[in-house]
Amino acid sequence: MTITRSDPEPPGDSSVGGSAPRTAIQQIARFGHPITRRLLASDDFTQPRLEAIIGTDLQVRVLRQDELAAEQLPATVADALGLAGPDRVIVRRSCLINADMVTASVNYVVAVSGSAAAAGTDDLHVPIGRGLISRGLSQRRHVLRAGVTRWPDGRLCAAKAYVIMLGDHQPLCYIREIFNPSVVPPEHAPISDEDLSWADEPDYTRSQPAHPSTARQGGCDTESPRAGGQCSRALPALVHPRESDSLTADLAAAACGQAFVVHLGARTSAALDVTTLPARRALAISAAAVLKHGLDTPIVTIGQLRYDGEPCGVPADSGSLAGGRLPEGYRRAAALLENWRVSNPPIALCTNLLHGAADHYPASVARDLLVEVAAMLPIAASAPAASRELYSSITPLHISRAAKPCDSNATRPRLTRPEWDRSTQLLWIGDRNHEFTTQHLSFAARVRNPLAVTLGPTATPDYVEFLCRYLNPNRRPGRLTLVPALSGARTADALPALFEAAARCGTPVCWVCDPMHADDTAAAIHTFVSACRTTGTAPAGLHLDCEPRNRLDTRLDTGRALHCVITTLSAMWAS
């Protein structure tokens, strides 16, 4: 039997962040509307109360979750949970939304790591209260504070902070809930600036792991086509094999419908200049955030970088670099990678992109979704990039690039030890501007990096079967991503046969839609998703291009890409 209750006399001397000695009951009484007072004083779980107010069901959306050291928490929260310095905590930011994408509440949760796992409160898809009920755990609420704060758009809103206790003595989690002022009236007695400060956020400057350097020690593990057949062993590696393994696992999840890929490419190198990278990162983050909010699934964000054909290596027998100076191609590659994966995301630029896109969808669900995501992004981004990520668009983004011509010796024996292309996590083969050859395939077959191959309009089922058997003979999940370039009327008939060819040879494939060739991108996306559903294939991702508006105006034209994102959501919801 589950017992749920609140303390009859919530202690006021534990007020989080505030200096006023009022008890929680006195704080609640300062609100003018009875709906607000009843919600804040409720002995019940918050979600059913909000559902009764709105008149619709609510779903949880986890914006972000991190694992931190307890010493990064303010003393009021650490003391309420009985934490010491060596303890670890889970910090979650979530919201409750209805089917129309209206956000009813935004929630900040700090849970003791061990207790959270034992009680099931680390489950992202189950509200904490319902999870405890399902496990029959006795619990009570220790209310710390009720008052006002700011909703993401700046309006005043009602808020409540409390600790959930298991039994009578074991603190499970600290929760602060803030309520949409359009849903829960925030009218309150006069307040001061101190009343708005809750001071319960972690200090992310303490015990923050250093961001991994792009210039790691050690050379590449195999010959790279980017070095003209010469191994760049004298150069620091740009990425670590662990990053490729992590991406492989993410792509395997997408192939099963448990994640979704956003791949941001570019038709020309002009779109990949360092000056355009902040806008490209903002587009990648925005697209992933919209898809995460709409699909409620982890998003794998991949960006494509090219190095303009410049060699990124030096001959293996060169001994040392001349004068200690790295080659120009390598230095440019490292600069692009560092600028792409910089830990501080351009959140202001993201919100501007989303609000601009929302203006093209007046009075619609799409507009509401874009506005909601723009409001939630600053909340989702308020944690360190090196923590355990669940809101994948804020993490350092995976990097890919087109394969360059390699040596002509495609007959040398396959090595038995693992090999890696250490300049990239994802090896991308073929696109509109770079045709791939048998030498590219030979190189790709030898490395352990995950591989993505563009399929042109002439691709046949036999060719798909060849790629599956040649590039992934061991049928390793996440190893192979296939990207059909959709264009022309033939697409609708061709796609199911391509999907079935991969299924016949038993090779797991991550299928990513590339609608950017099509005259009607919306029709291409709907065709792709429909063909996936018809054949039982998971629509695993979306490829987007974003270019400068013209040669004189280097700003990126992001409108078409975000339109494809909204169309993808529409197609996924309808299927």
Protein backbone atom coordinates (compact mmCIF):
# COMPACT_ATOMS: atom_id res chain seq x y z
CA MET A 1 0.00 0.00 0.00
CA THR A 2 1.30 3.45 -0.89
CA ILE A 3 1.04 6.21 1.68
CA THR A 4 1.34 9.80 0.48
CA ARG A 5 1.10 12.79 2.77
CA SER A 6 2.55 16.23 3.39
CA ASP A 7 3.82 17.54 6.68
CA PRO A 8 0.88 19.24 8.44
CA GLU A 9 3.15 22.08 9.63
CA PRO A 10 5.80 22.52 6.90
CA PRO A 11 8.84 24.11 8.53
CA GLY A 12 9.47 27.68 7.43
CA ASP A 13 13.02 27.90 8.77
CA SER A 14 14.22 25.71 5.87
CA SER A 15 13.23 28.27 3.26
CA VAL A 16 15.37 27.68 0.18
CA GLY A 17 17.14 30.83 -0.94
CA GLY A 18 14.84 33.24 0.86
CA SER A 19 15.44 35.14 4.06
CA ALA A 20 11.83 35.50 5.18
CA PRO A 21 10.93 33.39 8.24
CA ARG A 22 7.40 32.63 7.00
CA THR A 23 6.22 29.05 7.13
CA ALA A 24 5.12 27.40 3.90
CA ILE A 25 1.47 27.76 4.98
CA GLN A 26 1.95 31.50 5.41
CA GLN A 27 3.69 31.71 2.02
CA ILE A 28 0.81 29.90 0.30
CA ALA A 29 -1.72 32.21 1.92
CA ARG A 30 -0.11 35.19 0.17
CA PHE A 31 -1.44 33.99 -3.21
CA GLY A 32 -4.69 35.60 -4.29
CA HIS A 33 -6.34 32.83 -6.31
CA PRO A 34 -7.86 29.72 -4.66
CA ILE A 35 -6.71 27.44 -7.52
CA THR A 36 -3.11 28.40 -6.81
CA ARG A 37 -3.45 28.01 -3.07
CA ARG A 38 -5.04 24.56 -3.44
CA LEU A 39 -2.34 23.40 -5.86
CA LEU A 40 0.53 24.55 -3.65
CA ALA A 41 -1.03 23.14 -0.47
CA SER A 42 -2.09 19.84 -2.08
CA ASP A 43 -1.22 16.58 -0.34
CA ASP A 44 -1.53 14.81 -3.71
CA PHE A 45 0.94 14.51 -6.57
CA THR A 46 1.22 17.57 -8.76
CA GLN A 47 0.51 16.02 -12.15
CA PRO A 48 -3.10 14.90 -11.53
CA ARG A 49 -3.86 18.30 -9.98
CA LEU A 50 -2.56 20.10 -13.05
CA GLU A 51 -4.47 17.72 -15.33
CA ALA A 52 -7.66 18.58 -13.47
CA ILE A 53 -6.98 22.31 -13.87
CA ILE A 54 -6.20 22.09 -17.60
CA GLY A 55 -8.71 19.37 -18.38
CA THR A 56 -6.26 17.26 -20.42
CA ASP A 57 -3.65 14.58 -19.82
CA LEU A 58 -0.05 15.65 -19.37
CA GLN A 59 3.17 13.98 -20.42
CA VAL A 60 6.64 14.40 -19.00
CA ARG A 61 9.42 15.73 -21.23
CA VAL A 62 12.95 15.43 -19.82
CA LEU A 63 14.93 18.42 -21.07
CA ARG A 64 18.21 17.38 -19.55
CA GLN A 65 19.73 15.10 -16.93
CA ASP A 66 23.23 15.23 -15.44
CA GLU A 67 25.15 13.47 -12.69
CA LEU A 68 27.11 15.81 -10.43
CA ALA A 69 29.07 15.82 -7.19
CA ALA A 70 27.04 16.78 -4.11
CA GLU A 71 29.60 19.49 -3.30
CA GLN A 72 28.34 21.47 -6.31
CA LEU A 73 24.91 21.93 -4.67
CA PRO A 74 24.05 24.89 -2.44
CA ALA A 75 24.05 24.06 1.24
CA THR A 76 20.28 24.37 1.63
CA VAL A 77 19.64 21.60 -0.92
CA ALA A 78 22.52 19.39 0.25
CA ASP A 79 21.38 19.68 3.87
CA ALA A 80 17.77 18.91 2.97
CA LEU A 81 18.94 15.70 1.28
CA GLY A 82 21.48 14.85 3.98
CA LEU A 83 24.38 14.82 1.48
CA ALA A 84 28.11 14.86 2.03
CA GLY A 85 30.88 15.86 -0.39
CA PRO A 86 31.64 12.38 -1.90
CA ASP A 87 27.96 11.73 -2.71
CA ARG A 88 26.69 11.89 -6.28
CA VAL A 89 23.35 13.34 -7.35
CA ILE A 90 21.20 13.29 -10.47
CA VAL A 91 20.03 16.74 -11.61
CA ARG A 92 17.04 16.61 -13.94
CA ARG A 93 15.17 19.38 -15.73
CA SER A 94 11.80 18.43 -17.13
CA CYS A 95 8.42 19.83 -18.03
CA LEU A 96 4.81 18.62 -18.20
CA ILE A 97 3.07 19.27 -21.53
CA ASN A 98 -0.29 18.42 -23.06
CA ALA A 99 -1.07 17.15 -26.56
CA ASP A 100 -1.12 20.72 -27.90
CA MET A 101 2.44 21.29 -26.63
CA VAL A 102 1.30 23.67 -23.88
CA THR A 103 3.76 23.53 -20.97
CA ALA A 104 1.98 23.35 -17.62
CA SER A 105 5.04 23.23 -15.37
CA VAL A 106 8.83 23.23 -15.48
CA ASN A 107 10.52 21.08 -12.87
CA TYR A 108 13.98 21.00 -11.34
CA VAL A 109 14.82 17.75 -9.53
CA VAL A 110 17.88 16.78 -7.49
CA ALA A 111 17.95 13.09 -6.51
CA VAL A 112 20.49 11.04 -4.58
CA SER A 113 22.01 8.74 -7.22
CA GLY A 114 21.80 5.44 -5.33
CA SER A 115 18.34 6.03 -3.91
CA ALA A 116 17.05 7.27 -7.26
CA ALA A 117 18.08 4.08 -9.02
CA ALA A 118 16.61 1.89 -6.28
CA ALA A 119 13.30 3.79 -6.26
CA GLY A 120 13.07 4.04 -10.06
CA THR A 121 13.08 7.84 -10.10
CA ASP A 122 15.86 7.79 -12.70
CA ASP A 123 13.34 6.48 -15.27
CA LEU A 124 12.99 9.30 -17.78
CA HIS A 125 9.54 8.38 -19.06
CA VAL A 126 7.70 7.86 -15.77
CA PRO A 127 6.75 10.83 -13.54
CA ILE A 128 8.36 10.47 -10.13
CA GLY A 129 5.08 10.26 -8.23
CA ARG A 130 3.58 7.58 -10.46
CA GLY A 131 6.82 5.61 -10.35
CA LEU A 132 6.74 5.54 -6.55
CA ILE A 133 3.09 4.52 -6.55
CA SER A 134 3.80 1.64 -8.94
CA ARG A 135 6.47 0.33 -6.55
CA GLY A 136 4.25 0.66 -3.48
CA LEU A 137 6.75 2.87 -1.66
CA SER A 138 5.68 4.80 1.40
CA GLN A 139 6.50 8.49 1.08
CA ARG A 140 5.81 11.95 2.44
CA ARG A 141 6.51 15.51 1.34
CA HIS A 142 8.50 17.97 3.38
CA VAL A 143 7.54 21.40 2.00
CA LEU A 144 10.43 23.86 2.12
CA ARG A 145 9.03 26.89 0.37
CA ALA A 146 6.19 28.29 -1.74
CA GLY A 147 6.39 31.61 -3.55
CA VAL A 148 6.97 33.29 -6.88
CA THR A 149 9.71 33.23 -9.49
CA ARG A 150 10.05 33.87 -13.22
CA TRP A 151 8.53 31.74 -15.99
CA PRO A 152 10.96 31.23 -18.93
CA ASP A 153 9.37 34.14 -20.82
CA GLY A 154 9.93 36.49 -17.88
CA ARG A 155 6.42 36.57 -16.40
CA LEU A 156 5.88 36.03 -12.69
CA CYS A 157 4.69 32.53 -11.80
CA ALA A 158 3.88 30.42 -8.77
CA ALA A 159 6.52 27.99 -7.49
CA LYS A 160 6.91 25.35 -4.83
CA ALA A 161 9.94 23.47 -3.43
CA TYR A 162 9.81 20.31 -1.33
CA VAL A 163 11.67 17.12 -0.45
CA ILE A 164 10.16 13.67 -1.01
CA MET A 165 11.00 11.35 1.88
CA LEU A 166 10.88 7.56 1.69
CA GLY A 167 9.33 6.36 4.91
CA ASP A 168 10.04 8.84 7.69
CA HIS A 169 13.77 9.40 7.43
CA GLN A 170 15.29 8.77 3.97
CA PRO A 171 15.38 11.81 1.65
CA LEU A 172 14.89 10.80 -1.97
CA CYS A 173 14.85 14.03 -3.97
CA TYR A 174 14.49 17.78 -3.88
CA ILE A 175 11.91 19.19 -6.32
CA ARG A 176 11.16 22.76 -7.37
CA GLU A 177 8.10 23.16 -9.59
CA ILE A 178 7.19 26.38 -11.38
CA PHE A 179 3.76 26.73 -12.98
CA ASN A 180 2.68 28.35 -16.24
CA PRO A 181 1.02 31.66 -15.25
CA SER A 182 -1.52 31.14 -18.05
CA VAL A 183 -2.60 27.94 -16.25
CA VAL A 184 -1.98 28.68 -12.56
CA PRO A 185 -2.76 32.32 -11.59
CA PRO A 186 0.34 33.91 -10.03
CA GLU A 187 -1.35 36.86 -8.25
CA HIS A 188 0.57 37.37 -5.03
CA ALA A 189 1.07 39.83 -2.21
CA PRO A 190 3.80 42.45 -2.83
CA ILE A 191 7.20 40.87 -3.38
CA SER A 192 10.85 41.95 -3.30
CA ASP A 193 13.80 40.89 -5.41
CA GLU A 194 14.81 38.47 -2.66
CA ASP A 195 11.44 36.75 -2.96
CA LEU A 196 12.25 35.89 -6.59
CA SER A 197 15.62 34.28 -5.77
CA TRP A 198 15.55 30.59 -4.90
CA ALA A 199 19.33 29.99 -4.88
CA ASP A 200 19.02 26.23 -5.30
CA GLU A 201 20.98 25.77 -8.55
CA PRO A 202 24.29 23.83 -8.62
CA ASP A 203 27.60 25.64 -8.96
CA TYR A 204 28.89 24.27 -12.27
CA THR A 205 32.29 25.93 -11.88
CA ARG A 206 33.21 23.48 -9.10
CA SER A 207 34.48 19.98 -9.93
CA GLN A 208 33.70 20.44 -13.62
CA PRO A 209 35.65 18.01 -15.81
CA ALA A 210 37.83 19.63 -18.40
CA HIS A 211 36.53 19.58 -21.94
CA PRO A 212 38.35 16.89 -23.94
CA SER A 213 41.07 18.39 -26.11
CA THR A 214 40.81 18.01 -29.83
CA ALA A 215 44.59 17.57 -30.00
CA ARG A 216 45.01 14.20 -28.28
CA GLN A 217 48.36 12.50 -28.09
CA GLY A 218 49.16 9.64 -30.39
CA GLY A 219 48.79 9.27 -34.12
CA CYS A 220 46.18 7.69 -36.33
CA ASP A 221 45.81 3.92 -36.34
CA THR A 222 45.66 3.34 -40.06
CA GLU A 223 46.42 4.91 -43.40
CA SER A 224 43.93 7.65 -44.24
CA PRO A 225 42.69 8.63 -47.68
CA ARG A 226 43.04 12.22 -46.51
CA ALA A 227 46.83 11.90 -46.39
CA GLY A 228 47.24 10.58 -49.92
CA GLY A 229 47.98 7.07 -48.65
CA GLN A 230 50.48 8.22 -46.02
CA CYS A 231 49.86 7.60 -42.35
CA SER A 232 49.82 10.75 -40.22
CA ARG A 233 51.43 9.08 -37.22
CA ALA A 234 53.41 12.21 -36.39
CA LEU A 235 50.23 14.23 -35.84
CA PRO A 236 48.02 14.33 -32.74
CA ALA A 237 44.72 12.52 -33.26
CA LEU A 238 41.65 14.74 -33.56
CA VAL A 239 39.23 12.27 -31.97
CA HIS A 240 39.45 9.22 -29.72
CA PRO A 241 38.10 5.78 -30.72
CA ARG A 242 35.82 5.87 -27.67
CA GLU A 243 33.91 8.70 -29.34
CA SER A 244 33.36 6.55 -32.43
CA ASP A 245 32.19 3.66 -30.26
CA SER A 246 29.78 5.98 -28.45
CA LEU A 247 28.38 7.21 -31.76
CA THR A 248 28.02 3.61 -32.99
CA ALA A 249 25.89 2.83 -29.94
CA ASP A 250 23.76 5.93 -30.56
CA LEU A 251 23.22 4.99 -34.21
CA ALA A 252 22.29 1.44 -33.19
CA ALA A 253 19.60 2.88 -30.94
CA ALA A 254 18.31 5.06 -33.80
CA ALA A 255 18.14 2.03 -36.11
CA CYS A 256 15.78 0.43 -33.57
CA GLY A 257 13.60 3.52 -33.23
CA GLN A 258 15.00 4.34 -29.79
CA ALA A 259 16.75 7.56 -30.91
CA PHE A 260 16.67 9.93 -33.87
CA VAL A 261 19.58 11.32 -35.91
CA VAL A 262 19.98 14.90 -37.12
CA HIS A 263 22.80 15.19 -39.65
CA LEU A 264 23.71 18.73 -40.69
CA GLY A 265 25.62 18.81 -43.96
CA ALA A 266 26.59 21.50 -46.46
CA ARG A 267 26.68 21.62 -50.24
CA THR A 268 29.70 23.92 -50.42
CA SER A 269 32.74 24.63 -48.31
CA ALA A 270 31.54 28.26 -48.04
CA ALA A 271 28.97 27.08 -45.50
CA LEU A 272 31.73 25.55 -43.36
CA ASP A 273 33.86 28.61 -42.72
CA VAL A 274 34.71 29.29 -39.07
CA THR A 275 32.59 32.45 -39.21
CA THR A 276 29.47 30.42 -40.10
CA LEU A 277 29.99 27.68 -37.51
CA PRO A 278 28.10 29.42 -34.67
CA ALA A 279 25.02 29.69 -36.90
CA ARG A 280 25.39 26.05 -37.98
CA ARG A 281 25.72 24.93 -34.37
CA ALA A 282 22.66 26.99 -33.47
CA LEU A 283 20.69 25.32 -36.27
CA ALA A 284 21.83 21.85 -35.18
CA ILE A 285 20.92 22.55 -31.56
CA SER A 286 17.56 24.08 -32.49
CA ALA A 287 16.60 21.26 -34.85
CA ALA A 288 17.54 18.63 -32.28
CA ALA A 289 15.67 20.46 -29.51
CA VAL A 290 12.47 20.68 -31.56
CA LEU A 291 12.65 16.99 -32.48
CA LYS A 292 13.44 15.98 -28.89
CA HIS A 293 10.46 17.93 -27.58
CA GLY A 294 8.12 16.63 -30.27
CA LEU A 295 9.22 12.99 -30.36
CA ASP A 296 10.32 12.53 -26.73
CA THR A 297 13.32 10.46 -27.80
CA PRO A 298 17.09 11.04 -27.56
CA ILE A 299 18.54 12.98 -30.50
CA VAL A 300 21.93 12.16 -32.04
CA THR A 301 23.31 15.36 -33.56
CA ILE A 302 25.98 15.05 -36.25
CA GLY A 303 27.71 17.85 -38.12
CA GLN A 304 29.59 17.45 -41.39
CA LEU A 305 32.93 19.25 -41.79
CA ARG A 306 35.13 19.23 -44.87
CA TYR A 307 38.75 20.31 -45.02
CA ASP A 308 38.74 21.55 -48.65
CA GLY A 309 40.91 18.66 -49.85
CA GLU A 310 43.98 19.86 -47.98
CA PRO A 311 46.16 17.03 -46.62
CA CYS A 312 45.78 16.54 -42.90
CA GLY A 313 48.82 14.34 -42.45
CA VAL A 314 52.54 14.05 -43.09
CA PRO A 315 54.55 11.03 -44.27
CA ALA A 316 55.04 8.41 -41.58
CA ASP A 317 58.79 8.42 -42.12
CA SER A 318 59.16 12.19 -41.70
CA GLY A 319 60.54 11.69 -38.21
CA SER A 320 59.27 14.98 -36.82
CA LEU A 321 57.39 17.99 -38.03
CA ALA A 322 59.51 20.65 -39.67
CA GLY A 323 60.17 23.38 -37.15
CA GLY A 324 57.49 21.91 -34.90
CA ARG A 325 54.81 23.45 -37.11
CA LEU A 326 51.70 21.45 -37.89
CA PRO A 327 50.58 21.28 -41.55
CA GLU A 328 48.07 23.92 -42.62
CA GLY A 329 45.41 21.33 -43.48
CA TYR A 330 45.68 19.74 -40.04
CA ARG A 331 45.56 23.08 -38.25
CA ARG A 332 42.44 24.09 -40.16
CA ALA A 333 40.83 20.74 -39.41
CA ALA A 334 41.57 21.13 -35.71
CA ALA A 335 40.23 24.71 -35.73
CA LEU A 336 36.98 23.66 -37.40
CA LEU A 337 36.52 20.80 -34.97
CA GLU A 338 37.24 22.94 -31.91
CA ASN A 339 34.86 25.68 -33.04
CA TRP A 340 32.16 23.12 -33.78
CA ARG A 341 32.35 21.31 -30.46
CA VAL A 342 32.94 24.31 -28.17
CA SER A 343 31.15 23.65 -24.88
CA ASN A 344 29.10 26.86 -24.67
CA PRO A 345 26.16 26.61 -27.09
CA PRO A 346 24.88 29.80 -28.76
CA ILE A 347 21.54 29.74 -26.96
CA ALA A 348 20.57 33.33 -27.81
CA LEU A 349 21.13 32.57 -31.49
CA CYS A 350 19.09 29.37 -31.14
CA THR A 351 16.12 31.18 -29.64
CA ASN A 352 16.26 33.81 -32.38
CA LEU A 353 16.21 31.09 -35.04
CA LEU A 354 13.23 29.39 -33.42
CA HIS A 355 11.23 32.59 -32.97
CA GLY A 356 11.96 33.53 -36.59
CA ALA A 357 10.73 30.14 -37.78
CA ALA A 358 7.63 30.42 -35.58
CA ASP A 359 6.59 33.57 -37.45
CA HIS A 360 5.99 31.41 -40.54
CA TYR A 361 3.41 29.27 -38.69
CA PRO A 362 0.80 31.69 -37.30
CA ALA A 363 -1.82 30.25 -34.93
CA SER A 364 -0.72 26.63 -35.29
CA VAL A 365 0.64 23.74 -33.24
CA ALA A 366 3.96 24.15 -35.08
CA ARG A 367 4.24 27.76 -33.94
CA ASP A 368 3.42 26.85 -30.33
CA LEU A 369 6.02 24.08 -30.43
CA LEU A 370 8.76 26.37 -31.71
CA VAL A 371 7.96 29.03 -29.12
CA GLU A 372 7.89 26.45 -26.30
CA VAL A 373 11.24 24.99 -27.32
CA ALA A 374 12.77 28.48 -27.55
CA ALA A 375 11.66 29.10 -23.96
CA MET A 376 12.96 25.75 -22.70
CA LEU A 377 16.39 25.86 -24.37
CA PRO A 378 18.04 28.14 -21.77
CA ILE A 379 16.85 25.75 -19.05
CA ALA A 380 18.13 22.68 -20.87
CA ALA A 381 21.50 24.32 -21.48
CA SER A 382 22.16 25.35 -17.90
CA ALA A 383 24.51 22.48 -17.09
CA PRO A 384 28.08 21.51 -18.04
CA ALA A 385 28.62 19.82 -21.39
CA ALA A 386 30.88 17.14 -19.89
CA SER A 387 28.14 15.68 -17.69
CA ARG A 388 26.00 12.66 -18.50
CA GLU A 389 23.77 13.97 -21.28
CA LEU A 390 20.22 13.08 -22.16
CA TYR A 391 19.43 16.24 -24.06
CA SER A 392 21.84 15.34 -26.82
CA SER A 393 21.65 18.56 -28.80
CA ILE A 394 23.63 20.38 -26.09
CA THR A 395 26.54 17.88 -26.02
CA PRO A 396 29.74 18.27 -28.06
CA LEU A 397 28.45 17.33 -31.49
CA HIS A 398 29.72 14.36 -33.48
CA ILE A 399 31.81 15.30 -36.49
CA SER A 400 31.78 13.77 -39.99
CA ARG A 401 33.34 14.64 -43.33
CA ALA A 402 33.43 13.43 -46.90
CA ALA A 403 36.08 10.88 -47.81
CA LYS A 404 38.88 12.16 -50.03
CA PRO A 405 40.78 10.20 -52.74
CA CYS A 406 43.04 7.54 -51.28
CA ASP A 407 45.83 5.46 -52.74
CA SER A 408 45.14 3.00 -55.52
CA ASN A 409 46.42 -0.04 -53.66
CA ALA A 410 43.06 -1.60 -52.81
CA THR A 411 44.38 -5.15 -52.71
CA ARG A 412 46.62 -5.04 -49.66
CA PRO A 413 45.68 -7.62 -47.00
CA ARG A 414 43.22 -6.71 -44.32
CA LEU A 415 44.89 -6.16 -40.95
CA THR A 416 43.68 -8.13 -37.96
CA ARG A 417 44.05 -5.44 -35.29
CA PRO A 418 41.37 -2.74 -34.90
CA GLU A 419 41.95 0.32 -37.06
CA TRP A 420 40.48 3.79 -36.76
CA ASP A 421 40.24 6.95 -38.77
CA ARG A 422 41.28 9.31 -35.98
CA SER A 423 40.25 12.51 -37.78
CA THR A 424 36.51 11.84 -37.43
CA GLN A 425 33.90 9.88 -35.55
CA LEU A 426 31.64 9.16 -38.52
CA LEU A 427 33.15 8.42 -41.93
CA TRP A 428 30.78 9.81 -44.57
CA ILE A 429 31.06 8.32 -48.06
CA GLY A 430 29.64 10.15 -51.07
CA ASP A 431 27.43 13.19 -51.48
CA ARG A 432 26.39 15.60 -54.20
CA ASN A 433 29.89 17.05 -54.58
CA HIS A 434 32.14 14.04 -53.94
CA GLU A 435 31.59 10.74 -55.70
CA PHE A 436 33.06 7.78 -53.90
CA THR A 437 35.10 5.01 -55.46
CA THR A 438 36.07 1.42 -54.70
CA GLN A 439 39.16 2.80 -52.92
CA HIS A 440 36.94 4.73 -50.52
CA LEU A 441 34.91 1.59 -49.84
CA SER A 442 38.10 -0.44 -49.33
CA PHE A 443 39.37 2.05 -46.77
CA ALA A 444 36.00 2.28 -45.03
CA ALA A 445 35.74 -1.51 -44.78
CA ARG A 446 39.00 -1.62 -42.81
CA VAL A 447 38.26 0.96 -40.12
CA ARG A 448 36.04 0.49 -37.09
CA ASN A 449 34.42 3.93 -37.31
CA PRO A 450 30.69 3.98 -38.01
CA LEU A 451 30.03 4.55 -41.72
CA ALA A 452 27.39 6.54 -43.60
CA VAL A 453 26.82 6.09 -47.34
CA THR A 454 24.72 8.32 -49.58
CA LEU A 455 22.43 6.42 -51.96
CA GLY A 456 21.73 8.22 -55.23
CA PRO A 457 18.55 7.90 -57.28
CA THR A 458 20.02 4.98 -59.27
CA ALA A 459 20.78 2.81 -56.22
CA THR A 460 19.34 -0.70 -56.55
CA PRO A 461 18.41 -3.34 -53.97
CA ASP A 462 21.39 -5.44 -55.12
CA TYR A 463 23.72 -2.51 -54.46
CA VAL A 464 22.28 -2.02 -50.96
CA GLU A 465 22.83 -5.71 -50.27
CA PHE A 466 26.44 -5.38 -51.48
CA LEU A 467 27.08 -2.42 -49.17
CA CYS A 468 25.61 -4.29 -46.22
CA ARG A 469 27.71 -7.41 -46.77
CA TYR A 470 30.93 -5.58 -47.67
CA LEU A 471 30.91 -2.79 -45.10
CA ASN A 472 29.28 -4.63 -42.20
CA PRO A 473 29.91 -8.38 -42.65
CA ASN A 474 29.66 -8.96 -38.89
CA ARG A 475 26.25 -7.22 -38.76
CA ARG A 476 27.40 -4.89 -36.00
CA PRO A 477 24.50 -2.63 -34.89
CA GLY A 478 25.19 1.05 -35.55
CA ARG A 479 28.06 0.35 -37.94
CA LEU A 480 26.21 1.26 -41.16
CA THR A 481 23.99 4.25 -41.94
CA LEU A 482 22.38 4.54 -45.38
CA VAL A 483 21.08 7.89 -46.61
CA PRO A 484 18.73 7.79 -49.63
CA ALA A 485 18.83 11.09 -51.53
CA LEU A 486 15.15 11.58 -52.30
CA SER A 487 14.15 13.16 -55.60
CA GLY A 488 11.80 12.36 -58.44
CA ALA A 489 8.63 10.28 -58.66
CA ARG A 490 10.58 7.03 -58.56
CA THR A 491 11.39 7.45 -54.88
CA ALA A 492 8.08 6.20 -53.53
CA ASP A 493 8.39 2.91 -55.40
CA ALA A 494 12.14 2.44 -54.85
CA LEU A 495 12.43 2.94 -51.09
CA PRO A 496 10.58 -0.19 -49.85
CA ALA A 497 12.77 -2.40 -52.06
CA LEU A 498 15.93 -0.81 -50.64
CA PHE A 499 14.73 -1.34 -47.08
CA GLU A 500 13.81 -4.95 -47.77
CA ALA A 501 17.21 -5.67 -49.38
CA ALA A 502 19.00 -4.77 -46.15
CA ALA A 503 16.50 -6.79 -44.12
CA ARG A 504 17.02 -9.89 -46.30
CA CYS A 505 20.73 -10.08 -45.49
CA GLY A 506 20.07 -9.47 -41.80
CA THR A 507 22.19 -6.31 -41.58
CA PRO A 508 21.01 -3.65 -39.12
CA VAL A 509 20.89 -0.31 -40.94
CA CYS A 510 20.26 3.20 -39.63
CA TRP A 511 18.09 4.74 -42.39
CA VAL A 512 18.36 8.55 -42.63
CA CYS A 513 16.18 10.66 -44.92
CA ASP A 514 17.83 13.24 -47.21
CA PRO A 515 15.01 15.36 -48.72
CA MET A 516 17.21 18.29 -49.72
CA HIS A 517 17.46 17.18 -53.38
CA ALA A 518 13.69 17.11 -53.85
CA ASP A 519 11.65 19.90 -55.38
CA ASP A 520 9.04 19.27 -52.67
CA THR A 521 10.89 18.49 -49.45
CA ALA A 522 7.68 17.98 -47.48
CA ALA A 523 6.42 15.34 -49.90
CA ALA A 524 9.80 13.59 -49.83
CA ILE A 525 9.80 13.41 -46.03
CA HIS A 526 6.25 12.05 -45.88
CA THR A 527 7.18 9.49 -48.55
CA PHE A 528 10.21 8.34 -46.56
CA VAL A 529 8.32 7.96 -43.28
CA SER A 530 5.39 6.21 -44.99
CA ALA A 531 7.72 3.74 -46.73
CA CYS A 532 9.44 3.03 -43.40
CA ARG A 533 6.14 2.33 -41.65
CA THR A 534 4.92 0.13 -44.51
CA THR A 535 7.99 -2.12 -44.35
CA GLY A 536 8.40 -2.12 -40.56
CA THR A 537 11.60 -0.02 -40.79
CA ALA A 538 12.44 2.61 -38.20
CA PRO A 539 12.74 6.13 -39.70
CA ALA A 540 16.03 6.81 -37.95
CA GLY A 541 17.03 10.33 -38.92
CA LEU A 542 17.03 13.44 -41.09
CA HIS A 543 19.82 14.98 -43.18
CA LEU A 544 19.72 18.78 -43.51
CA ASP A 545 21.70 21.23 -45.60
CA CYS A 546 22.21 24.89 -44.76
CA GLU A 547 23.99 27.35 -47.05
CA PRO A 548 24.81 31.07 -47.09
CA ARG A 549 22.04 33.12 -48.68
CA ASN A 550 24.37 34.34 -51.43
CA ARG A 551 28.01 35.13 -52.10
CA LEU A 552 27.71 38.61 -50.63
CA ASP A 553 25.56 37.68 -47.63
CA THR A 554 27.25 34.93 -45.60
CA ARG A 555 24.36 34.49 -43.17
CA LEU A 556 22.93 30.98 -43.31
CA ASP A 557 19.44 30.41 -44.71
CA THR A 558 18.00 28.23 -41.94
CA GLY A 559 14.31 28.52 -42.81
CA ARG A 560 14.18 25.55 -45.21
CA ALA A 561 16.00 23.28 -42.77
CA LEU A 562 13.66 24.10 -39.86
CA HIS A 563 10.67 23.63 -42.19
CA CYS A 564 11.97 20.09 -42.83
CA VAL A 565 12.17 19.51 -39.08
CA ILE A 566 8.54 20.57 -38.57
CA THR A 567 7.47 18.42 -41.53
CA THR A 568 9.31 15.43 -40.07
CA LEU A 569 7.45 15.81 -36.80
CA SER A 570 4.16 16.04 -38.67
CA ALA A 571 4.97 12.87 -40.64
CA MET A 572 6.06 10.96 -37.53
CA TRP A 573 2.97 12.00 -35.59
CA ALA A 574 0.67 10.98 -38.46
CA SER A 575 2.23 7.54 -38.97
